[in-house]
Protein backbone atom coordinates (compact mmCIF):
# COMPACT_ATOMS: atom_id res chain seq x y z
CA UNK A 1 0.00 0.00 0.00
CA UNK A 2 1.25 3.48 -0.88
CA UNK A 3 0.13 6.46 1.18
CA UNK A 4 0.16 10.10 0.08
CA UNK A 5 -1.36 12.89 2.13
CA UNK A 6 -2.62 14.63 -1.04
CA UNK A 7 -5.03 11.89 -2.06
CA UNK A 8 -6.35 8.47 -0.99
CA UNK A 9 -3.92 5.56 -0.51
CA UNK A 10 -3.06 3.36 -3.48
CA UNK A 11 -2.62 -0.40 -3.29
CA UNK A 12 0.71 -1.61 -4.67
CA UNK A 13 1.30 -5.03 -6.23
CA UNK A 14 5.05 -4.44 -6.49
CA UNK A 15 6.88 -7.78 -6.43
CA UNK A 16 3.61 -9.75 -6.43
CA UNK A 17 3.13 -13.04 -8.28
CA UNK A 18 -0.56 -12.17 -8.69
CA UNK A 19 -0.79 -13.28 -12.31
CA UNK A 20 0.69 -16.69 -11.56
CA UNK A 21 -0.84 -17.44 -8.15
CA UNK A 22 -4.30 -15.94 -8.72
CA UNK A 23 -4.93 -16.56 -12.42
CA UNK A 24 -2.55 -19.12 -13.92
CA UNK A 25 -2.59 -21.52 -10.97
CA UNK A 26 -5.58 -20.26 -8.94
CA UNK A 27 -8.36 -22.26 -10.55
CA UNK A 28 -10.04 -19.23 -12.11
CA UNK A 29 -10.38 -20.29 -15.73
CA UNK A 30 -14.17 -19.97 -15.43
CA UNK A 31 -13.96 -16.36 -14.24
CA UNK A 32 -11.36 -15.47 -16.86
CA UNK A 33 -13.37 -16.88 -19.75
CA UNK A 34 -16.61 -15.31 -18.51
CA UNK A 35 -14.88 -11.94 -18.37
CA UNK A 36 -13.55 -12.47 -21.90
CA UNK A 37 -17.13 -12.85 -23.15
CA UNK A 38 -18.28 -9.73 -21.29
CA UNK A 39 -15.44 -7.66 -22.72
CA UNK A 40 -16.18 -8.88 -26.24
CA UNK A 41 -19.81 -7.83 -25.85
CA UNK A 42 -18.97 -4.35 -24.57
CA UNK A 43 -15.85 -3.38 -26.52
CA UNK A 44 -16.16 -1.31 -29.70
CA UNK A 45 -15.06 -3.03 -32.88
CA UNK A 46 -12.18 -0.61 -33.37
CA UNK A 47 -10.46 2.40 -31.91
CA UNK A 48 -7.25 4.40 -31.92
CA UNK A 49 -5.92 4.68 -28.37
CA UNK A 50 -7.18 2.71 -25.35
CA UNK A 51 -6.27 3.32 -21.71
CA UNK A 52 -6.19 0.10 -19.66
CA UNK A 53 -6.27 1.12 -15.99
CA UNK A 54 -4.98 -1.52 -13.59
CA UNK A 55 -3.47 -3.50 -16.45
CA UNK A 56 -1.33 -5.63 -14.14
CA UNK A 57 0.62 -8.26 -16.08
CA UNK A 58 -1.49 -7.74 -19.20
CA UNK A 59 -4.02 -10.55 -18.77
CA UNK A 60 -6.74 -8.70 -20.69
CA UNK A 61 -4.58 -6.63 -23.03
CA UNK A 62 -4.66 -9.10 -25.98
CA UNK A 63 -8.46 -8.82 -25.91
CA UNK A 64 -8.26 -5.18 -27.02
CA UNK A 65 -7.19 -6.14 -30.54
CA UNK A 66 -9.56 -3.63 -32.16
CA UNK A 67 -7.50 -0.68 -30.88
CA UNK A 68 -4.42 0.46 -32.75
CA UNK A 69 -2.53 1.29 -29.53
CA UNK A 70 -3.01 0.41 -25.86
CA UNK A 71 -1.61 2.23 -22.84
CA UNK A 72 -1.12 -0.19 -19.94
CA UNK A 73 -1.30 1.73 -16.67
CA UNK A 74 -0.54 0.15 -13.30
CA UNK A 75 0.97 1.38 -10.05
CA UNK A 76 3.34 -1.59 -9.87
CA UNK A 77 6.51 -1.44 -11.95
CA UNK A 78 7.07 -5.18 -11.63
CA UNK A 79 3.55 -5.96 -12.89
CA UNK A 80 4.25 -3.86 -15.98
CA UNK A 81 7.58 -5.63 -16.45
CA UNK A 82 5.70 -8.93 -16.49
CA UNK A 83 3.27 -7.50 -19.05
CA UNK A 84 6.19 -6.34 -21.16
CA UNK A 85 7.75 -9.81 -21.06
CA UNK A 86 4.42 -11.31 -22.13
CA UNK A 87 3.39 -8.80 -24.79
CA UNK A 88 6.78 -7.58 -25.95
CA UNK A 89 7.96 -4.13 -26.89
CA UNK A 90 6.35 -2.45 -29.86
CA UNK A 91 4.81 0.85 -30.86
CA UNK A 92 1.39 -0.66 -30.10
CA UNK A 93 1.92 -0.94 -26.33
CA UNK A 94 2.87 1.93 -24.01
CA UNK A 95 3.73 0.94 -20.43
CA UNK A 96 3.07 3.53 -17.71
CA UNK A 97 3.54 3.24 -13.94
CA UNK A 98 1.16 5.75 -12.43
CA UNK A 99 -1.59 6.62 -9.99
CA UNK A 100 -5.24 6.54 -11.06
CA UNK A 101 -5.96 9.52 -8.81
CA UNK A 102 -3.41 11.57 -10.78
CA UNK A 103 -3.47 10.20 -14.32
CA UNK A 104 -0.39 11.48 -16.19
CA UNK A 105 -2.18 12.22 -19.46
CA UNK A 106 -3.54 15.34 -21.12
CA UNK A 107 -7.27 16.01 -21.41
CA UNK A 108 -9.34 14.26 -24.11
CA UNK A 109 -6.50 11.94 -25.18
CA UNK A 110 -8.12 8.49 -25.36
CA UNK A 111 -11.05 7.18 -27.39
CA UNK A 112 -11.61 4.27 -25.02
CA UNK A 113 -10.77 3.13 -21.48
CA UNK A 114 -11.18 0.04 -19.30
CA UNK A 115 -10.93 -0.53 -15.56
CA UNK A 116 -11.30 -4.24 -14.82
CA UNK A 117 -10.86 -5.67 -11.29
CA UNK A 118 -9.38 -2.36 -10.20
CA UNK A 119 -12.14 -0.14 -8.76
CA UNK A 120 -12.44 -2.49 -5.76
CA UNK A 121 -9.12 -1.03 -4.56
CA UNK A 122 -10.42 2.57 -4.70
CA UNK A 123 -11.11 4.27 -1.39
CA UNK A 124 -12.48 7.25 -3.35
CA UNK A 125 -14.16 5.73 -6.44
CA UNK A 126 -15.67 9.01 -7.62
CA UNK A 127 -12.27 10.74 -7.71
CA UNK A 128 -10.82 7.96 -9.85
CA UNK A 129 -13.80 8.01 -12.23
CA UNK A 130 -13.46 11.76 -12.66
CA UNK A 131 -9.86 11.26 -13.70
CA UNK A 132 -10.89 8.72 -16.32
CA UNK A 133 -13.53 11.10 -17.63
CA UNK A 134 -10.95 13.87 -17.94
CA UNK A 135 -8.63 11.94 -20.24
CA UNK A 136 -11.36 10.51 -22.51
CA UNK A 137 -12.61 12.13 -25.68
CA UNK A 138 -16.29 13.13 -25.63
CA UNK A 139 -18.65 10.24 -26.38
CA UNK A 140 -15.88 7.67 -25.90
CA UNK A 141 -16.67 4.32 -24.21
CA UNK A 142 -15.54 3.43 -20.72
CA UNK A 143 -15.76 -0.20 -19.58
CA UNK A 144 -15.87 -0.61 -15.81
CA UNK A 145 -15.98 -3.79 -13.73
CA UNK A 146 -16.78 -3.66 -10.04
CA UNK A 147 -17.20 -6.07 -7.13
CA UNK A 148 -20.90 -6.19 -6.25
CA UNK A 149 -21.82 -6.28 -2.55
CA UNK A 150 -25.44 -7.12 -3.45
CA UNK A 151 -24.62 -10.61 -4.72
CA UNK A 152 -26.75 -13.66 -3.93
CA UNK A 153 -24.18 -15.27 -1.64
CA UNK A 154 -23.89 -12.12 0.47
CA UNK A 155 -27.67 -11.77 0.62
CA UNK A 156 -28.14 -15.35 1.82
CA UNK A 157 -25.40 -15.03 4.43
CA UNK A 158 -26.98 -11.81 5.73
CA UNK A 159 -30.48 -13.28 5.92
CA UNK A 160 -29.14 -16.36 7.75
CA UNK A 161 -27.31 -14.19 10.31
CA UNK A 162 -23.86 -15.29 9.13
CA UNK A 163 -22.81 -11.80 8.03
CA UNK A 164 -23.04 -8.48 9.84
CA UNK A 165 -22.89 -6.00 6.96
CA UNK A 166 -26.05 -5.31 4.97
CA UNK A 167 -25.73 -6.10 1.24
CA UNK A 168 -28.68 -3.79 0.51
CA UNK A 169 -27.07 -0.72 2.12
CA UNK A 170 -25.58 1.79 -0.31
CA UNK A 171 -22.26 2.34 1.46
CA UNK A 172 -19.22 0.32 0.38
CA UNK A 173 -17.93 -2.53 2.53
CA UNK A 174 -14.17 -2.88 3.06
CA UNK A 175 -13.64 -6.58 3.76
CA UNK A 176 -9.86 -6.18 3.99
CA UNK A 177 -7.48 -3.24 3.61
CA UNK A 178 -8.23 -1.39 0.35
CA UNK A 179 -10.54 -4.12 -0.93
CA UNK A 180 -14.11 -2.88 -1.36
CA UNK A 181 -17.43 -4.22 -2.55
CA UNK A 182 -19.89 -1.66 -3.91
CA UNK A 183 -23.65 -1.39 -4.31
CA UNK A 184 -24.84 -1.11 -7.94
CA UNK A 185 -26.89 2.03 -7.18
CA UNK A 186 -23.79 3.74 -5.78
CA UNK A 187 -21.79 2.85 -8.88
CA UNK A 188 -24.47 4.25 -11.16
CA UNK A 189 -24.60 7.48 -9.16
CA UNK A 190 -20.80 7.89 -9.22
CA UNK A 191 -20.69 7.30 -12.96
CA UNK A 192 -23.33 9.98 -13.48
CA UNK A 193 -21.62 12.41 -11.08
CA UNK A 194 -18.32 11.87 -12.92
CA UNK A 195 -19.89 12.79 -16.26
CA UNK A 196 -20.70 9.39 -17.76
CA UNK A 197 -23.89 8.13 -19.38
CA UNK A 198 -24.50 4.47 -18.54
CA UNK A 199 -25.33 2.42 -21.64
CA UNK A 200 -25.23 -1.24 -20.61
CA UNK A 201 -24.74 -3.54 -17.62
CA UNK A 202 -23.71 -7.22 -17.65
CA UNK A 203 -23.67 -9.53 -14.64
CA UNK A 204 -20.66 -11.86 -14.61
CA UNK A 205 -19.32 -14.86 -12.66
CA UNK A 206 -22.75 -16.04 -11.49
CA UNK A 207 -21.33 -19.45 -10.55
CA UNK A 208 -18.27 -18.33 -8.56
CA UNK A 209 -18.64 -21.20 -6.07
CA UNK A 210 -15.75 -23.60 -5.56
CA UNK A 211 -18.00 -26.65 -5.35
CA UNK A 212 -19.64 -25.89 -8.70
CA UNK A 213 -16.31 -25.23 -10.36
CA UNK A 214 -15.08 -28.63 -9.20
CA UNK A 215 -18.06 -30.72 -10.34
CA UNK A 216 -19.30 -28.85 -13.43
CA UNK A 217 -17.10 -28.58 -16.56
CA UNK A 218 -15.72 -25.09 -17.07
CA UNK A 219 -17.12 -24.77 -20.58
CA UNK A 220 -20.61 -25.50 -19.24
CA UNK A 221 -20.33 -22.84 -16.52
CA UNK A 222 -18.98 -20.33 -19.04
CA UNK A 223 -21.87 -21.04 -21.42
CA UNK A 224 -24.46 -20.65 -18.66
CA UNK A 225 -22.79 -17.46 -17.50
CA UNK A 226 -22.87 -16.05 -21.03
CA UNK A 227 -26.62 -16.73 -21.18
CA UNK A 228 -27.23 -14.91 -17.89
CA UNK A 229 -24.94 -11.91 -18.47
CA UNK A 230 -27.55 -9.80 -20.34
CA UNK A 231 -29.89 -9.97 -17.32
CA UNK A 232 -27.68 -7.27 -15.85
CA UNK A 233 -29.92 -4.80 -17.67
CA UNK A 234 -32.68 -5.60 -15.15
CA UNK A 235 -30.97 -6.72 -11.92
CA UNK A 236 -27.48 -7.18 -10.50
CA UNK A 237 -26.99 -10.10 -8.10
CA UNK A 238 -23.72 -11.58 -9.36
CA UNK A 239 -20.38 -10.97 -7.57
CA UNK A 240 -19.01 -9.09 -10.59
CA UNK A 241 -20.72 -6.48 -12.78
CA UNK A 242 -19.45 -5.02 -16.05
CA UNK A 243 -20.71 -1.65 -17.29
CA UNK A 244 -20.27 0.33 -20.48
CA UNK A 245 -20.66 4.11 -20.28
CA UNK A 246 -19.96 7.04 -22.57
CA UNK A 247 -18.25 10.27 -21.62
CA UNK A 248 -21.21 12.63 -21.59
CA UNK A 249 -19.95 15.88 -23.10
CA UNK A 250 -21.45 18.19 -25.70
CA UNK A 251 -18.31 20.07 -26.80
CA UNK A 252 -16.81 19.02 -30.16
CA UNK A 253 -13.97 16.50 -30.37
CA UNK A 254 -10.59 18.00 -31.16
CA UNK A 255 -7.13 16.52 -31.21
CA UNK A 256 -5.50 16.44 -27.77
CA UNK A 257 -2.50 18.71 -27.32
CA UNK A 258 0.42 16.55 -26.23
CA UNK A 259 0.32 13.14 -24.59
CA UNK A 260 1.73 13.05 -21.07
CA UNK A 261 0.82 15.52 -18.34
CA UNK A 262 2.76 16.26 -15.19
CA UNK A 263 0.79 14.66 -12.32
CA UNK A 264 2.28 17.19 -9.91
CA UNK A 265 1.28 20.48 -11.57
CA UNK A 266 -0.93 19.48 -14.51
CA UNK A 267 1.29 20.94 -17.24
CA UNK A 268 1.74 19.12 -20.55
CA UNK A 269 5.13 17.40 -20.73
CA UNK A 270 7.52 17.70 -23.68
CA UNK A 271 8.64 14.60 -25.54
CA UNK A 272 11.81 12.82 -24.45
CA UNK A 273 13.84 12.99 -27.66
CA UNK A 274 16.53 15.16 -26.06
CA UNK A 275 16.61 13.06 -22.86
CA UNK A 276 15.52 9.52 -23.75
CA UNK A 277 15.75 8.25 -20.17
CA UNK A 278 13.38 10.76 -18.54
CA UNK A 279 10.66 13.36 -18.91
CA UNK A 280 11.16 16.76 -17.27
CA UNK A 281 8.32 19.15 -16.52
CA UNK A 282 9.22 22.64 -17.72
CA UNK A 283 6.78 24.23 -15.27
CA UNK A 284 7.66 22.60 -11.93
CA UNK A 285 10.93 20.81 -12.81
CA UNK A 286 9.58 17.40 -11.73
CA UNK A 287 11.52 14.52 -13.26
CA UNK A 288 9.93 11.25 -14.37
CA UNK A 289 12.28 8.40 -15.33
CA UNK A 290 11.84 6.00 -18.22
CA UNK A 291 13.08 2.57 -17.15
CA UNK A 292 13.49 -0.07 -19.86
CA UNK A 293 10.63 1.36 -21.86
CA UNK A 294 8.33 1.96 -18.87
CA UNK A 295 7.34 5.53 -17.98
CA UNK A 296 7.38 6.01 -14.20
CA UNK A 297 5.08 8.74 -12.86
CA UNK A 298 4.66 7.44 -9.29
């Protein structure tokens, strides 16, 4: 965990084997494949520049094949190094270590953004959503996944007296440090307050129960999940919910001026042709290193 007095704390996966222990060897093929289907349903067919917030080791990045370029943003340098080893170095992928509360990009830069399995680490979700809205072009899609506190398992546990917190209450529940479950109504309100228009909701991972995953073939669970996902338009009782929203602005789209922005003072940063190993802010003199092709704005 990283603490900064200027904004909420940020969880840090530095040095973590999260990709290997949680995904590759964690028995979560069902969840992974169900999420793949949800992303395919919500992603636009094509785009120019996508921002992937909380990219980690790049598990989902290959699924954004319709975009010409993808910016992988994560707070952990080692997670981005793993993504780089997996995806390689090319003009298509830009690796950025940064803080979602202070996104190091100029306004209206991206024509798409995703935040998958990341919002549940946000102590101030609205602040992070406002940052995403700032860097998106008007009318651009934003795909958000969140952990749903109003899931069937939590409801049953609450009704049976096995759980103290109320899954129907609007406030978030922090079940461990910087790990939150959110109520769907709160998410919808925050999206609206941040300047997004909600277009679609999908419920995902309906069968996230270890017993079922052991006795029912994965492909069967994935198929059943795919059938149930569209019911998210009417109700949300699964542990994971995917949403697609558009940046709700009326001003005309124009080309963004620059690319990176100083997270300290908000000034646009010059390119690094003269100093290939760092970016230097001409307004506040802040220095941001470039380590093996990874921009470090932490």
